[in-house]
């Protein structure tokens, strides 16, 4: 029977399972990552996993949520360190830099996300998108909205389409970044920021 207790001991056990799962799915992908592999990393047995999670799919869902939660928390922490006079462009620069920092961080949760996000069943992917909107991508939307409110970014652009295009471009970066022939993170993030700012800015009056 699955353990539903929220006691510190239960939370610690669930965290260890998710840490092991992130390593397994980063190494093997969704199809080949087995409960037995996760249990082996914990020097445990498959039956022990069922005390905390009802299925392999439930572990994957929780692992993806944890990855997004961590990414959002790291971004919030960096944004909070900006001076009070930071502009929406400053904030967008930090958000973009943090996104690329995640991609080359070597973090097992980020690596697992890369490996499985295009492999998981549609219902898991849909749940993850909703969780991502609540915990990560909304931060980008809020920055753009702030820029529009201040007259820095154009309000003529459809906000939903703009947001989807921006996040689509950033998420697709996992397929090409980091790359041997590419410049370092700072240069890539700067170029990305310049492209987005040019696209978002209020057109100059002729």
Protein backbone atom coordinates (compact mmCIF):
# COMPACT_ATOMS: atom_id res chain seq x y z
CA UNK A 1 0.00 0.00 0.00
CA UNK A 2 1.29 3.46 -0.89
CA UNK A 3 2.44 5.59 2.03
CA UNK A 4 0.54 8.89 2.10
CA UNK A 5 2.06 10.27 5.30
CA UNK A 6 3.57 13.75 5.03
CA UNK A 7 5.91 13.12 7.96
CA UNK A 8 9.53 14.27 7.58
CA UNK A 9 10.62 10.63 7.31
CA UNK A 10 8.16 9.95 4.50
CA UNK A 11 9.12 13.13 2.66
CA UNK A 12 12.78 12.23 2.97
CA UNK A 13 12.15 8.76 1.56
CA UNK A 14 10.17 10.17 -1.37
CA UNK A 15 12.96 12.68 -2.07
CA UNK A 16 15.56 9.89 -2.16
CA UNK A 17 13.41 7.91 -4.59
CA UNK A 18 13.01 10.93 -6.87
CA UNK A 19 16.75 11.63 -6.76
CA UNK A 20 17.44 8.04 -7.81
CA UNK A 21 14.72 8.19 -10.47
CA UNK A 22 16.23 11.35 -11.95
CA UNK A 23 19.58 9.59 -12.32
CA UNK A 24 17.98 6.51 -13.89
CA UNK A 25 15.83 8.39 -16.39
CA UNK A 26 18.69 10.73 -17.28
CA UNK A 27 20.79 7.67 -18.09
CA UNK A 28 18.21 5.41 -19.74
CA UNK A 29 15.26 7.50 -20.86
CA UNK A 30 11.59 6.83 -20.20
CA UNK A 31 11.12 3.50 -21.96
CA UNK A 32 14.18 1.78 -20.50
CA UNK A 33 14.15 3.30 -17.03
CA UNK A 34 12.71 0.60 -14.76
CA UNK A 35 11.57 0.53 -11.16
CA UNK A 36 14.19 -2.15 -10.58
CA UNK A 37 16.90 0.31 -11.67
CA UNK A 38 15.61 2.94 -9.25
CA UNK A 39 15.46 0.43 -6.41
CA UNK A 40 19.00 -0.76 -7.19
CA UNK A 41 20.36 2.78 -6.81
CA UNK A 42 18.77 2.86 -3.37
CA UNK A 43 20.04 -0.61 -2.44
CA UNK A 44 16.39 -1.47 -1.96
CA UNK A 45 13.71 -3.51 -3.71
CA UNK A 46 10.83 -2.60 -5.99
CA UNK A 47 8.26 -3.35 -3.31
CA UNK A 48 9.74 -0.60 -1.16
CA UNK A 49 8.97 1.98 -3.82
CA UNK A 50 5.27 1.17 -3.71
CA UNK A 51 5.07 2.42 -0.13
CA UNK A 52 5.52 5.94 -1.51
CA UNK A 53 4.47 5.87 -5.17
CA UNK A 54 1.70 3.92 -6.85
CA UNK A 55 3.46 3.33 -10.16
CA UNK A 56 6.45 4.14 -12.34
CA UNK A 57 4.31 6.79 -14.06
CA UNK A 58 3.59 8.45 -10.73
CA UNK A 59 7.32 8.63 -10.05
CA UNK A 60 7.92 10.20 -13.46
CA UNK A 61 5.21 12.80 -12.86
CA UNK A 62 6.66 13.71 -9.48
CA UNK A 63 10.20 13.81 -10.86
CA UNK A 64 9.18 16.19 -13.66
CA UNK A 65 7.33 18.39 -11.17
CA UNK A 66 10.38 18.48 -8.92
CA UNK A 67 12.59 19.46 -11.86
CA UNK A 68 10.29 22.36 -12.77
CA UNK A 69 9.91 23.40 -9.13
CA UNK A 70 13.67 23.54 -8.70
CA UNK A 71 14.13 25.53 -11.89
CA UNK A 72 11.47 28.03 -10.86
CA UNK A 73 12.91 28.39 -7.37
CA UNK A 74 16.40 29.07 -8.73
CA UNK A 75 15.05 31.71 -11.10
CA UNK A 76 13.02 33.42 -8.37
CA UNK A 77 16.11 33.56 -6.15
CA UNK A 78 18.16 35.25 -8.88
CA UNK A 79 15.39 37.72 -9.70
CA UNK A 80 15.07 38.63 -6.03
CA UNK A 81 18.76 39.57 -5.95
CA UNK A 82 18.33 42.22 -8.63
CA UNK A 83 18.39 45.85 -7.44
CA UNK A 84 15.06 47.59 -6.96
CA UNK A 85 15.51 49.63 -10.14
CA UNK A 86 15.98 46.62 -12.41
CA UNK A 87 14.07 46.94 -15.67
CA UNK A 88 11.98 44.25 -17.35
CA UNK A 89 14.85 43.85 -19.84
CA UNK A 90 17.26 43.25 -16.94
CA UNK A 91 14.88 40.65 -15.54
CA UNK A 92 14.40 38.96 -18.90
CA UNK A 93 18.17 38.77 -19.28
CA UNK A 94 18.46 36.99 -15.94
CA UNK A 95 15.61 34.62 -16.82
CA UNK A 96 17.21 33.69 -20.14
CA UNK A 97 20.66 33.26 -18.58
CA UNK A 98 19.19 31.02 -15.88
CA UNK A 99 17.44 28.91 -18.52
CA UNK A 100 20.73 28.25 -20.30
CA UNK A 101 22.49 27.74 -16.97
CA UNK A 102 20.02 24.94 -16.28
CA UNK A 103 20.78 23.34 -19.64
CA UNK A 104 24.51 23.01 -18.92
CA UNK A 105 24.29 22.54 -15.15
CA UNK A 106 24.75 18.77 -15.14
CA UNK A 107 21.85 18.53 -12.67
CA UNK A 108 20.31 15.05 -12.89
CA UNK A 109 16.74 16.43 -12.76
CA UNK A 110 17.42 18.74 -15.70
CA UNK A 111 19.11 15.91 -17.62
CA UNK A 112 16.17 13.60 -16.91
CA UNK A 113 13.71 16.24 -18.08
CA UNK A 114 15.65 16.58 -21.34
CA UNK A 115 15.71 12.83 -21.85
CA UNK A 116 12.08 11.96 -21.15
CA UNK A 117 9.90 14.99 -21.86
CA UNK A 118 9.38 13.98 -25.50
CA UNK A 119 8.91 10.30 -24.58
CA UNK A 120 6.31 10.33 -21.81
CA UNK A 121 2.61 9.57 -22.50
CA UNK A 122 0.46 12.55 -23.57
CA UNK A 123 -1.39 12.74 -20.25
CA UNK A 124 1.88 13.03 -18.31
CA UNK A 125 3.17 15.66 -20.74
CA UNK A 126 -0.08 17.64 -20.38
CA UNK A 127 0.09 17.54 -16.58
CA UNK A 128 3.69 18.68 -16.72
CA UNK A 129 2.86 21.61 -19.00
CA UNK A 130 0.25 22.81 -16.50
CA UNK A 131 2.71 22.45 -13.64
CA UNK A 132 5.40 24.26 -15.65
CA UNK A 133 3.07 27.18 -16.39
CA UNK A 134 2.33 27.56 -12.67
CA UNK A 135 5.91 27.24 -11.46
CA UNK A 136 8.29 28.36 -14.21
CA UNK A 137 7.01 29.80 -17.47
CA UNK A 138 4.66 32.23 -15.72
CA UNK A 139 7.78 34.06 -14.51
CA UNK A 140 8.67 34.88 -18.12
CA UNK A 141 5.09 35.94 -18.84
CA UNK A 142 5.09 38.25 -15.81
CA UNK A 143 8.31 39.91 -16.97
CA UNK A 144 6.90 40.55 -20.43
CA UNK A 145 3.65 41.84 -18.94
CA UNK A 146 5.63 44.23 -16.74
CA UNK A 147 7.50 45.48 -19.80
CA UNK A 148 4.21 46.05 -21.62
CA UNK A 149 2.77 47.94 -18.64
CA UNK A 150 5.84 50.20 -18.63
CA UNK A 151 5.62 50.85 -22.37
CA UNK A 152 8.90 49.04 -23.07
CA UNK A 153 7.36 46.10 -24.87
CA UNK A 154 4.61 46.36 -27.46
CA UNK A 155 1.04 45.67 -26.43
CA UNK A 156 0.07 45.00 -30.04
CA UNK A 157 1.42 41.47 -29.79
CA UNK A 158 -0.92 38.68 -28.73
CA UNK A 159 0.35 37.79 -25.26
CA UNK A 160 -0.52 34.09 -25.50
CA UNK A 161 1.18 33.63 -28.85
CA UNK A 162 4.18 35.68 -27.75
CA UNK A 163 4.60 33.62 -24.62
CA UNK A 164 4.28 30.30 -26.46
CA UNK A 165 6.81 31.34 -29.09
CA UNK A 166 9.29 32.52 -26.48
CA UNK A 167 9.08 29.40 -24.34
CA UNK A 168 9.04 27.18 -27.42
CA UNK A 169 12.33 28.69 -28.58
CA UNK A 170 13.91 28.40 -25.13
CA UNK A 171 12.77 24.81 -24.58
CA UNK A 172 13.96 23.80 -28.06
CA UNK A 173 17.42 25.05 -27.12
CA UNK A 174 17.97 21.76 -25.31
CA UNK A 175 18.44 20.15 -28.75
CA UNK A 176 21.45 22.32 -29.64
CA UNK A 177 22.87 23.81 -26.43
CA UNK A 178 25.54 23.40 -25.24
CA UNK A 179 27.41 22.76 -28.47
CA UNK A 180 31.12 22.42 -29.23
CA UNK A 181 31.12 25.19 -31.85
CA UNK A 182 28.93 27.58 -29.88
CA UNK A 183 30.18 30.44 -27.69
CA UNK A 184 29.79 30.25 -23.93
CA UNK A 185 26.57 30.66 -21.98
CA UNK A 186 26.92 34.41 -21.52
CA UNK A 187 27.22 35.05 -25.26
CA UNK A 188 24.36 32.71 -26.14
CA UNK A 189 22.11 34.26 -23.48
CA UNK A 190 23.01 37.78 -24.63
CA UNK A 191 22.16 36.98 -28.27
CA UNK A 192 18.87 35.40 -27.19
CA UNK A 193 17.97 38.43 -25.10
CA UNK A 194 18.76 40.82 -27.95
CA UNK A 195 16.57 38.80 -30.32
CA UNK A 196 13.63 38.72 -27.91
CA UNK A 197 13.94 42.41 -27.02
CA UNK A 198 13.96 43.39 -30.69
CA UNK A 199 10.85 41.30 -31.27
CA UNK A 200 9.04 42.61 -28.19
CA UNK A 201 9.97 46.29 -28.30
CA UNK A 202 7.58 49.03 -29.25
CA UNK A 203 8.28 49.92 -32.91
CA UNK A 204 10.14 53.17 -33.40
CA UNK A 205 8.01 55.99 -34.79
CA UNK A 206 8.94 56.95 -38.32
